[in-house]
Amino acid sequence: MLTAMRLSEIASLVGSEGHLSADPEITDLHYDSREAIPGSLFFCIPGDKVDRHDLAKQAVSSGAAALVAERDTGVLVPHLITSDIRGVMNQVAAPFFGHPSREIKLVGVTGTNGKTTTTYMVESIARASGEKTGLVGTIERRVADSAQPAPIGTPESSDLQRLFRAMARASVATCALEVTSIGISQGRIEGCDFDVAVFTNLSHDHLEFHGSMEEYYEAKRKLFLAERTPLSLINIDDPWGRRLTGEVTSKVLTYAVERDADLVAKSIRPIPGGTKFLAVGMGMRLELEVLLPARFNVLNAIAAAGAARAIGLPEGAIQSGLSSLPGVPGRFERVDEGQDFMVVVDYAHTPDGLDNVLRFAREICLGELRVVFGCGGDRDSGKRPEMGRVAASVADRVYVTSDNPRSEDPSQIIDQILTGIIKGPPPGGYVAISDRAEAIHAAISESQSGDVVVIAGKGHETGQEFADTKIPFDDREVARAALQR
């Protein structure tokens, strides 16, 4: 049974008496008319494609008892009128569900790259300590032993607080949450009480939303205010992280691989399928092992170790939690059908992320390094030439293809990527193949012993988005079929 409030109480929370013809009991909060249930309060949030005012009648027919709207919809239920519908939802969600994040240890992780891997690591450490755990991120949402795919990274505030309430009821002790810049900007984390917030890095991404790197940074910075978290754990190998340490209002601890910090990874050395290193600082001197390769995963692991230490998890759990994590879906995930060359699928979809993955692949490549990638439509177009430049500067041969074109013409996206390649083409040349499956098949069919094929951009995703449709598509399965062929 969810928390219930009278509509008048909700109106009072947001400082408005609204236009209330009645005062029904509200039993849930929804902005998707398909999910409205009897007694729910429906938020008519306007969107780019759908204005939910037009769905008010549908929500009420499903049982919604009242609406939060910008105007009278003509539907005969009480309306709370406001010019900021999402703001009202953000303000109401946490108190409506009883401030559930106060009942769990909440670790928030933000940054351009590394959020997913770091949250998986934190969750694995907490589980190794014997706790029930929660995980909310790009790939999935877990409440103890129950999991479901994640439609977006940071959920809308009502969904997030409902998840936290479910976690509290399931006796979850620790939750690791991916915190996106868009989620912060849209107020989705309002009412979240973090125990520690982690900053991984900042690089070119999401500028179609934020407009500039400065605005992107400012969105991230809001997570680290003292009113949100008592402790910030910041990567100072990253220049934006070094700036952040001097601008946050919470207590700051730092971590790094290259610099002196409160927590440092030392003596980094590869092992079969992973990496070993020594974590020094925050009262620890621990030999740690992760079954994930590359230096950037050492940074993710040291961040997870520091966050775990900050919330009181034991050193033994840090060691066993990191060493027992078999990998993260779509993050340098190998596809092996017995071939004598390596095929790897990775979510890298930013210039910095692609550069990191390709440079590590270059280190382990005995033959030619091939990369298959594209860029998403309706997203930051400014990074497309830079992605092309990075691919051409590190790989031997580049296969430019579609990612999720959405409403854009795939050929135009590819042309923008190519402007960054033609200025300094790779030694093995490049090819543009719009059909992603064909591009993957081409890269694999041309590979020989010792080569490495990196298929980048979509990672764990199991669909490809076009203007009006989404088709089943999994890079891992397409690569597997190509290898079997």
Protein backbone atom coordinates (compact mmCIF):
# COMPACT_ATOMS: atom_id res chain seq x y z
CA MET A 1 0.00 0.00 0.00
CA LEU A 2 1.45 3.37 -1.04
CA THR A 3 1.38 6.53 1.00
CA ALA A 4 -1.90 8.40 0.62
CA MET A 5 -2.50 12.15 0.85
CA ARG A 6 -5.47 14.41 0.34
CA LEU A 7 -5.21 16.64 -2.70
CA SER A 8 -5.41 19.67 -0.41
CA GLU A 9 -2.27 18.47 1.41
CA ILE A 10 -0.42 18.22 -1.90
CA ALA A 11 -1.61 21.69 -2.88
CA SER A 12 -0.34 22.97 0.45
CA LEU A 13 3.09 21.39 -0.14
CA VAL A 14 3.54 23.45 -3.31
CA GLY A 15 2.07 26.60 -1.84
CA SER A 16 -1.17 26.61 -3.79
CA GLU A 17 -4.77 25.93 -2.97
CA GLY A 18 -5.33 25.09 -6.63
CA HIS A 19 -8.78 24.95 -8.20
CA LEU A 20 -10.20 22.17 -6.10
CA SER A 21 -13.85 21.29 -6.55
CA ALA A 22 -13.29 18.30 -4.26
CA ASP A 23 -10.57 16.88 -2.04
CA PRO A 24 -9.99 13.27 -3.08
CA GLU A 25 -7.51 10.93 -1.46
CA ILE A 26 -4.45 10.53 -3.72
CA THR A 27 -2.92 7.05 -3.71
CA ASP A 28 -0.21 7.36 -6.38
CA LEU A 29 1.54 9.81 -8.74
CA HIS A 30 1.68 9.31 -12.51
CA TYR A 31 2.58 11.23 -15.69
CA ASP A 32 1.94 8.29 -18.06
CA SER A 33 -1.78 7.92 -18.72
CA ARG A 34 -1.30 4.19 -19.41
CA GLU A 35 -0.09 3.67 -15.85
CA ALA A 36 -2.72 5.72 -14.03
CA ILE A 37 -4.61 3.76 -11.40
CA PRO A 38 -7.68 4.52 -9.28
CA GLY A 39 -6.88 7.37 -6.93
CA SER A 40 -3.77 8.58 -8.72
CA LEU A 41 -2.79 12.18 -9.37
CA PHE A 42 -1.99 12.67 -13.05
CA PHE A 43 0.60 15.26 -14.14
CA CYS A 44 -0.17 16.73 -17.58
CA ILE A 45 3.47 17.43 -18.42
CA PRO A 46 3.84 18.97 -21.91
CA GLY A 47 6.38 17.20 -24.10
CA ASP A 48 8.10 17.65 -27.45
CA LYS A 49 5.93 14.99 -29.08
CA VAL A 50 2.97 14.60 -26.71
CA ASP A 51 1.14 17.16 -24.60
CA ARG A 52 -0.25 15.15 -21.71
CA HIS A 53 -3.12 17.59 -21.32
CA ASP A 54 -4.52 15.73 -24.33
CA LEU A 55 -4.30 12.48 -22.37
CA ALA A 56 -6.08 13.72 -19.26
CA LYS A 57 -9.36 12.08 -20.24
CA GLN A 58 -7.61 8.74 -20.77
CA ALA A 59 -5.89 9.00 -17.36
CA VAL A 60 -9.17 9.79 -15.63
CA SER A 61 -10.90 6.88 -17.36
CA SER A 62 -8.19 4.68 -15.82
CA GLY A 63 -9.03 6.04 -12.39
CA ALA A 64 -7.01 9.24 -11.91
CA ALA A 65 -8.74 11.26 -9.20
CA ALA A 66 -7.21 14.65 -9.99
CA LEU A 67 -4.92 16.48 -12.39
CA VAL A 68 -1.97 18.84 -12.19
CA ALA A 69 -2.23 20.98 -15.29
CA GLU A 70 -1.45 24.34 -16.86
CA ARG A 71 -5.10 24.88 -17.76
CA ASP A 72 -8.55 23.44 -17.34
CA THR A 73 -8.70 20.31 -19.48
CA GLY A 74 -12.48 20.08 -19.42
CA VAL A 75 -12.28 16.73 -17.62
CA LEU A 76 -14.56 16.70 -14.58
CA VAL A 77 -12.04 16.03 -11.80
CA PRO A 78 -10.25 18.52 -9.52
CA HIS A 79 -7.38 20.41 -11.14
CA LEU A 80 -4.28 21.84 -9.49
CA ILE A 81 -3.27 24.63 -11.90
CA THR A 82 0.41 25.56 -12.21
CA SER A 83 2.84 26.88 -14.81
CA ASP A 84 5.48 24.32 -13.76
CA ILE A 85 3.93 20.85 -13.75
CA ARG A 86 7.19 18.89 -13.56
CA GLY A 87 8.39 21.19 -10.79
CA VAL A 88 5.28 20.37 -8.75
CA MET A 89 5.83 16.65 -9.31
CA ASN A 90 9.47 16.96 -8.24
CA GLN A 91 8.48 18.88 -5.12
CA VAL A 92 5.73 16.46 -4.15
CA ALA A 93 7.28 13.07 -4.96
CA ALA A 94 9.62 12.58 -1.99
CA PRO A 95 7.17 13.67 0.76
CA PHE A 96 4.33 11.74 -0.89
CA PHE A 97 6.31 8.50 -0.69
CA GLY A 98 7.55 9.30 2.81
CA HIS A 99 11.12 10.43 1.98
CA PRO A 100 12.27 6.85 1.35
CA SER A 101 15.88 7.70 0.44
CA ARG A 102 16.40 8.59 4.11
CA GLU A 103 15.86 4.92 4.94
CA ILE A 104 18.67 3.60 2.71
CA LYS A 105 22.31 4.44 2.08
CA LEU A 106 22.24 6.23 -1.26
CA VAL A 107 25.33 6.53 -3.48
CA GLY A 108 24.91 8.84 -6.47
CA VAL A 109 27.36 8.63 -9.38
CA THR A 110 27.56 11.26 -12.10
CA GLY A 111 29.95 12.01 -14.96
CA THR A 112 30.08 11.64 -18.73
CA ASN A 113 31.66 8.19 -18.68
CA GLY A 114 31.95 5.45 -16.06
CA LYS A 115 28.62 5.93 -14.24
CA THR A 116 27.22 2.51 -15.07
CA THR A 117 30.36 0.54 -14.26
CA THR A 118 30.91 2.41 -11.00
CA THR A 119 27.35 1.84 -9.80
CA TYR A 120 27.59 -1.87 -10.64
CA MET A 121 30.78 -2.03 -8.61
CA VAL A 122 29.26 -0.24 -5.61
CA GLU A 123 26.23 -2.54 -5.72
CA SER A 124 28.46 -5.63 -5.93
CA ILE A 125 30.48 -4.50 -2.90
CA ALA A 126 27.32 -3.88 -0.86
CA ARG A 127 25.97 -7.29 -1.85
CA ALA A 128 29.27 -8.92 -0.85
CA SER A 129 28.86 -7.40 2.61
CA GLY A 130 25.62 -9.34 3.02
CA GLU A 131 23.27 -6.43 2.43
CA LYS A 132 20.20 -6.32 0.24
CA THR A 133 20.93 -3.86 -2.53
CA GLY A 134 19.34 -1.58 -5.09
CA LEU A 135 20.61 -0.35 -8.44
CA VAL A 136 19.14 2.33 -10.70
CA GLY A 137 20.84 3.16 -13.97
CA THR A 138 21.08 3.04 -17.73
CA ILE A 139 20.85 -0.74 -18.06
CA GLU A 140 18.43 -1.87 -15.36
CA ARG A 141 16.66 -1.13 -12.10
CA ARG A 142 17.12 -3.63 -9.30
CA VAL A 143 15.22 -3.89 -6.04
CA ALA A 144 16.88 -6.67 -4.02
CA ASP A 145 16.56 -9.77 -6.23
CA SER A 146 14.04 -8.27 -8.66
CA ALA A 147 15.23 -6.51 -11.83
CA GLN A 148 13.67 -4.82 -14.83
CA PRO A 149 15.15 -3.03 -17.88
CA ALA A 150 15.64 0.71 -17.56
CA PRO A 151 13.86 2.93 -20.13
CA ILE A 152 15.98 5.96 -19.15
CA GLY A 153 18.98 6.62 -16.90
CA THR A 154 17.74 8.70 -13.98
CA PRO A 155 13.98 8.11 -13.61
CA GLU A 156 11.44 10.90 -13.29
CA SER A 157 11.05 11.95 -9.67
CA SER A 158 7.79 10.10 -9.05
CA ASP A 159 9.21 6.86 -10.47
CA LEU A 160 12.45 7.28 -8.55
CA GLN A 161 10.79 7.90 -5.19
CA ARG A 162 8.43 4.97 -5.80
CA LEU A 163 11.49 2.79 -6.45
CA PHE A 164 13.12 3.97 -3.24
CA ARG A 165 9.94 3.18 -1.32
CA ALA A 166 9.92 -0.32 -2.83
CA MET A 167 13.56 -0.71 -1.79
CA ALA A 168 12.84 0.38 1.76
CA ARG A 169 9.98 -2.10 1.98
CA ALA A 170 12.28 -4.84 0.66
CA SER A 171 14.85 -4.00 3.38
CA VAL A 172 17.40 -2.72 0.85
CA ALA A 173 20.29 -1.19 2.76
CA THR A 174 22.35 0.40 -0.05
CA CYS A 175 21.36 1.73 -3.47
CA ALA A 176 23.69 2.88 -6.24
CA LEU A 177 22.09 5.47 -8.53
CA GLU A 178 23.29 6.81 -11.87
CA VAL A 179 22.64 10.55 -11.83
CA THR A 180 22.47 12.11 -15.29
CA SER A 181 22.95 15.79 -16.06
CA ILE A 182 19.53 15.94 -17.70
CA GLY A 183 18.01 14.26 -14.64
CA ILE A 184 19.60 16.92 -12.42
CA SER A 185 18.51 19.77 -14.71
CA GLN A 186 14.93 18.52 -14.79
CA GLY A 187 14.79 18.17 -11.00
CA ARG A 188 14.36 14.39 -10.95
CA ILE A 189 16.61 14.04 -7.88
CA GLU A 190 14.72 16.60 -5.80
CA GLY A 191 14.10 15.13 -2.36
CA CYS A 192 16.92 12.56 -2.65
CA ASP A 193 19.15 12.37 0.42
CA PHE A 194 22.52 11.09 -0.77
CA ASP A 195 25.13 9.68 1.58
CA VAL A 196 27.93 10.20 -0.92
CA ALA A 197 28.07 11.63 -4.44
CA VAL A 198 30.76 10.54 -6.92
CA PHE A 199 32.11 12.55 -9.87
CA THR A 200 33.83 10.42 -12.53
CA ASN A 201 34.74 12.88 -15.33
CA LEU A 202 33.33 15.38 -17.81
CA SER A 203 33.75 15.44 -21.58
CA HIS A 204 31.82 16.44 -24.70
CA ASP A 205 28.24 15.10 -24.59
CA HIS A 206 24.61 16.20 -24.27
CA LEU A 207 25.29 19.69 -25.61
CA GLU A 208 22.07 19.47 -27.63
CA PHE A 209 20.40 19.81 -24.22
CA HIS A 210 22.83 21.95 -22.22
CA GLY A 211 24.13 24.22 -24.97
CA SER A 212 27.73 24.47 -23.74
CA MET A 213 30.30 22.60 -21.67
CA GLU A 214 29.96 25.27 -18.99
CA GLU A 215 26.22 24.65 -18.63
CA TYR A 216 26.83 20.90 -18.72
CA TYR A 217 29.32 21.28 -15.86
CA GLU A 218 26.97 23.51 -13.89
CA ALA A 219 24.25 20.84 -14.10
CA LYS A 220 26.64 18.20 -12.73
CA ARG A 221 27.86 20.54 -9.99
CA LYS A 222 24.38 20.78 -8.48
CA LEU A 223 24.63 17.19 -7.24
CA PHE A 224 27.47 18.13 -4.92
CA LEU A 225 25.74 20.83 -2.88
CA ALA A 226 25.72 20.32 0.87
CA GLU A 227 21.92 20.21 0.95
CA ARG A 228 22.05 17.13 -1.33
CA THR A 229 25.02 15.20 0.03
CA PRO A 230 27.32 15.48 3.06
CA LEU A 231 30.26 14.01 1.12
CA SER A 232 31.60 14.37 -2.43
CA LEU A 233 34.13 11.92 -3.90
CA ILE A 234 35.78 13.51 -6.93
CA ASN A 235 38.18 12.29 -9.61
CA ILE A 236 41.01 14.85 -9.76
CA ASP A 237 42.73 13.21 -12.71
CA ASP A 238 39.95 14.98 -14.63
CA PRO A 239 40.40 18.77 -15.06
CA TRP A 240 36.70 19.43 -14.45
CA GLY A 241 36.98 17.36 -11.28
CA ARG A 242 39.87 19.52 -10.06
CA ARG A 243 37.73 22.60 -10.64
CA LEU A 244 34.79 20.97 -8.88
CA THR A 245 36.74 20.36 -5.68
CA GLY A 246 36.98 24.11 -5.12
CA GLU A 247 33.35 24.91 -5.94
CA VAL A 248 31.23 22.40 -4.03
CA THR A 249 29.73 23.09 -0.63
CA SER A 250 29.84 19.54 0.74
CA LYS A 251 32.87 17.86 2.28
CA VAL A 252 35.28 16.73 -0.44
CA LEU A 253 37.44 13.63 -0.77
CA THR A 254 39.44 13.03 -3.94
CA TYR A 255 40.56 9.97 -5.86
CA ALA A 256 43.01 9.50 -8.72
CA VAL A 257 45.46 7.30 -10.56
CA GLU A 258 47.85 9.96 -11.86
CA ARG A 259 47.78 12.51 -9.01
CA ASP A 260 48.12 12.68 -5.24
CA ALA A 261 44.64 12.30 -3.75
CA ASP A 262 42.82 11.09 -0.66
CA LEU A 263 42.47 7.70 -2.36
CA VAL A 264 44.98 6.57 -4.99
CA ALA A 265 45.35 3.48 -7.17
CA LYS A 266 48.97 2.33 -7.27
CA SER A 267 50.97 -0.61 -8.65
CA ILE A 268 48.47 -1.17 -11.49
CA ARG A 269 49.15 -4.36 -13.40
CA PRO A 270 47.18 -6.48 -15.86
CA ILE A 271 46.02 -9.99 -15.04
CA PRO A 272 44.19 -12.42 -17.34
CA GLY A 273 40.82 -10.81 -18.04
CA GLY A 274 41.30 -7.91 -15.66
CA THR A 275 43.49 -5.68 -13.52
CA LYS A 276 45.11 -5.68 -10.07
CA PHE A 277 46.08 -2.58 -8.14
CA LEU A 278 46.73 -1.25 -4.66
CA ALA A 279 44.19 1.17 -3.16
CA VAL A 280 45.87 3.53 -0.70
CA GLY A 281 44.04 6.14 1.37
CA MET A 282 40.86 6.76 3.37
CA GLY A 283 42.34 4.46 6.03
CA MET A 284 42.83 1.63 3.53
CA ARG A 285 45.77 -0.19 2.00
CA LEU A 286 44.01 -2.86 -0.03
CA GLU A 287 45.10 -5.13 -2.85
CA LEU A 288 42.16 -5.05 -5.25
CA GLU A 289 41.33 -7.06 -8.35
CA VAL A 290 38.70 -6.36 -11.00
CA LEU A 291 37.68 -8.62 -13.88
CA LEU A 292 37.53 -5.59 -16.15
CA PRO A 293 40.50 -4.43 -18.22
CA ALA A 294 41.89 -0.95 -18.86
CA ARG A 295 43.08 1.95 -16.79
CA PHE A 296 39.72 3.73 -16.93
CA ASN A 297 38.16 0.79 -15.08
CA VAL A 298 40.76 1.19 -12.35
CA LEU A 299 39.42 4.72 -11.85
CA ASN A 300 35.88 3.32 -11.71
CA ALA A 301 36.97 0.69 -9.17
CA ILE A 302 38.81 3.15 -6.94
CA ALA A 303 35.72 5.40 -6.98
CA ALA A 304 33.51 2.46 -5.97
CA ALA A 305 35.95 1.45 -3.23
CA GLY A 306 35.99 5.00 -1.87
CA ALA A 307 32.21 5.31 -1.92
CA ALA A 308 31.86 1.94 -0.20
CA ARG A 309 34.36 2.96 2.45
CA ALA A 310 32.53 6.25 2.98
CA ILE A 311 29.23 4.48 3.77
CA GLY A 312 30.89 2.05 6.15
CA LEU A 313 31.16 -1.14 4.11
CA PRO A 314 33.99 -3.45 5.28
CA GLU A 315 37.31 -3.84 3.49
CA GLY A 316 36.71 -7.54 2.89
CA ALA A 317 33.49 -6.73 1.05
CA ILE A 318 35.31 -4.17 -1.09
CA GLN A 319 37.82 -6.81 -2.11
CA SER A 320 35.35 -9.62 -2.74
CA GLY A 321 32.71 -7.38 -4.30
CA LEU A 322 35.10 -6.04 -6.91
CA SER A 323 36.78 -9.36 -7.67
CA SER A 324 33.46 -11.22 -8.03
CA LEU A 325 31.85 -8.80 -10.50
CA PRO A 326 32.10 -10.70 -13.79
CA GLY A 327 31.63 -7.65 -15.97
CA VAL A 328 29.05 -5.04 -16.92
CA PRO A 329 26.72 -5.61 -19.88
CA GLY A 330 27.91 -3.78 -22.97
CA ARG A 331 31.07 -2.44 -21.33
CA PHE A 332 34.08 -3.89 -23.15
CA GLU A 333 32.06 -7.09 -23.44
CA ARG A 334 33.73 -9.80 -25.48
CA VAL A 335 31.87 -11.82 -28.09
CA ASP A 336 33.64 -15.15 -28.45
CA GLU A 337 32.75 -17.93 -30.87
CA GLY A 338 36.19 -19.51 -30.88
CA GLN A 339 37.68 -17.10 -33.43
CA ASP A 340 41.38 -16.20 -33.35
CA PHE A 341 40.71 -12.45 -33.14
CA MET A 342 38.88 -10.39 -30.53
CA VAL A 343 35.44 -8.83 -30.92
CA VAL A 344 34.35 -6.36 -28.25
CA VAL A 345 31.07 -4.47 -27.78
CA ASP A 346 31.21 -1.23 -25.80
CA TYR A 347 28.77 1.57 -24.98
CA ALA A 348 31.38 4.27 -25.75
CA HIS A 349 29.37 7.04 -27.41
CA THR A 350 31.43 10.15 -26.64
CA PRO A 351 34.79 11.25 -28.07
CA ASP A 352 36.53 10.68 -24.74
CA GLY A 353 34.84 7.32 -24.15
CA LEU A 354 35.72 6.10 -27.65
CA ASP A 355 39.30 7.30 -27.23
CA ASN A 356 39.69 5.42 -23.94
CA VAL A 357 38.29 2.17 -25.33
CA LEU A 358 40.30 2.30 -28.55
CA ARG A 359 43.57 3.15 -26.80
CA PHE A 360 43.17 0.18 -24.49
CA ALA A 361 42.22 -2.04 -27.45
CA ARG A 362 45.39 -0.83 -29.19
CA GLU A 363 47.48 -1.97 -26.20
CA ILE A 364 46.21 -5.56 -26.48
CA CYS A 365 45.93 -5.74 -30.27
CA LEU A 366 48.44 -7.98 -32.03
CA GLY A 367 47.14 -7.24 -35.53
CA GLU A 368 44.86 -4.54 -36.91
CA LEU A 369 42.43 -2.53 -34.79
CA ARG A 370 39.04 -2.06 -36.43
CA VAL A 371 36.20 0.06 -35.08
CA VAL A 372 32.51 0.11 -36.04
CA PHE A 373 30.52 3.07 -34.75
CA GLY A 374 27.97 5.77 -35.47
CA CYS A 375 26.35 8.65 -33.59
CA GLY A 376 22.83 8.99 -32.28
CA GLY A 377 20.29 11.18 -34.01
CA ASP A 378 18.53 14.07 -32.23
CA ARG A 379 21.53 14.30 -29.91
CA ASP A 380 24.67 16.40 -29.64
CA SER A 381 25.71 16.83 -33.28
CA GLY A 382 28.85 18.76 -32.36
CA LYS A 383 30.63 15.63 -31.18
CA ARG A 384 30.22 13.76 -34.48
CA PRO A 385 33.33 15.10 -36.32
CA GLU A 386 35.34 14.65 -33.12
CA MET A 387 34.22 11.02 -32.84
CA GLY A 388 35.42 10.55 -36.41
CA ARG A 389 38.77 12.19 -35.66
CA VAL A 390 39.30 9.99 -32.58
CA ALA A 391 38.45 6.80 -34.45
CA ALA A 392 40.75 7.65 -37.36
CA SER A 393 43.64 8.65 -35.10
CA VAL A 394 43.68 5.41 -33.08
CA ALA A 395 42.18 2.60 -35.21
CA ASP A 396 43.69 1.05 -38.34
CA ARG A 397 40.38 0.80 -40.19
CA VAL A 398 37.09 2.57 -39.49
CA TYR A 399 33.54 1.47 -40.37
CA VAL A 400 31.12 4.38 -39.99
CA THR A 401 27.51 3.33 -39.65
CA SER A 402 24.17 4.16 -38.03
CA ASP A 403 23.62 4.20 -34.28
CA ASN A 404 20.09 5.23 -33.28
CA PRO A 405 19.25 7.72 -36.06
CA ARG A 406 15.85 8.57 -34.56
CA SER A 407 14.27 11.34 -36.65
CA GLU A 408 17.48 12.27 -38.53
CA ASP A 409 18.65 11.00 -41.89
CA PRO A 410 21.38 8.40 -41.14
CA SER A 411 23.39 9.46 -44.19
CA GLN A 412 23.62 13.05 -42.92
CA ILE A 413 24.87 11.86 -39.52
CA ILE A 414 27.47 9.71 -41.26
CA ASP A 415 28.57 12.65 -43.41
CA GLN A 416 29.16 14.74 -40.29
CA ILE A 417 31.27 11.96 -38.76
CA LEU A 418 33.27 11.66 -41.98
CA THR A 419 34.31 15.33 -41.83
CA GLY A 420 36.46 14.39 -38.84
CA ILE A 421 37.93 11.34 -40.57
CA ILE A 422 38.92 12.73 -43.95
CA LYS A 423 41.29 15.29 -42.38
CA GLY A 424 43.47 12.43 -41.12
CA PRO A 425 42.27 9.08 -42.41
CA PRO A 426 43.37 5.85 -40.73
CA PRO A 427 46.15 3.79 -42.34
CA GLY A 428 43.77 0.99 -43.35
CA GLY A 429 41.19 3.37 -44.73
CA TYR A 430 37.54 3.87 -43.87
CA VAL A 431 34.15 2.92 -45.22
CA ALA A 432 30.61 4.19 -44.65
CA ILE A 433 27.94 1.49 -44.41
CA SER A 434 24.59 2.85 -43.24
CA ASP A 435 23.13 -0.56 -42.32
CA ARG A 436 24.64 -1.35 -38.91
CA ALA A 437 24.37 -5.12 -39.28
CA GLU A 438 26.16 -4.98 -42.63
CA ALA A 439 28.92 -2.81 -41.13
CA ILE A 440 29.46 -5.28 -38.28
CA HIS A 441 29.52 -8.20 -40.72
CA ALA A 442 32.02 -6.36 -42.93
CA ALA A 443 34.41 -5.62 -40.06
CA ILE A 444 34.29 -9.19 -38.79
CA SER A 445 34.58 -10.82 -42.22
CA GLU A 446 37.71 -8.79 -42.98
CA SER A 447 39.42 -9.59 -39.65
CA GLN A 448 42.36 -11.95 -39.28
CA SER A 449 44.30 -13.60 -36.47
CA GLY A 450 45.35 -11.11 -33.78
CA ASP A 451 43.00 -8.34 -34.89
CA VAL A 452 40.63 -6.54 -32.52
CA VAL A 453 37.18 -5.37 -33.62
CA VAL A 454 35.51 -2.76 -31.39
CA ILE A 455 31.77 -2.25 -31.98
CA ALA A 456 31.01 0.99 -30.16
CA GLY A 457 28.07 3.17 -29.25
CA LYS A 458 25.15 0.95 -28.31
CA GLY A 459 26.63 -1.48 -25.81
CA HIS A 460 23.88 -3.23 -23.85
CA GLU A 461 21.02 -1.83 -25.96
CA THR A 462 18.70 -4.34 -27.58
CA GLY A 463 16.92 -2.05 -30.03
CA GLN A 464 17.66 0.49 -32.75
CA GLU A 465 15.56 3.66 -32.85
CA PHE A 466 14.30 5.21 -36.05
CA ALA A 467 11.86 8.10 -36.57
CA ASP A 468 8.65 6.18 -35.95
CA THR A 469 9.82 2.75 -34.90
CA LYS A 470 12.25 0.77 -32.79
CA ILE A 471 13.49 -2.53 -34.15
CA PRO A 472 15.18 -5.36 -32.22
CA PHE A 473 18.95 -4.94 -32.53
CA ASP A 474 21.72 -6.15 -30.24
CA ASP A 475 25.33 -5.56 -31.32
CA ARG A 476 26.39 -8.67 -29.40
CA GLU A 477 23.92 -10.94 -31.18
CA VAL A 478 24.65 -9.45 -34.59
CA ALA A 479 28.39 -9.95 -33.99
CA ARG A 480 27.78 -13.50 -32.80
CA ALA A 481 25.82 -14.29 -35.95
CA ALA A 482 28.60 -12.82 -38.09
CA LEU A 483 31.20 -14.94 -36.31
CA GLN A 484 29.12 -18.08 -36.68
CA ARG A 485 28.74 -17.38 -40.37
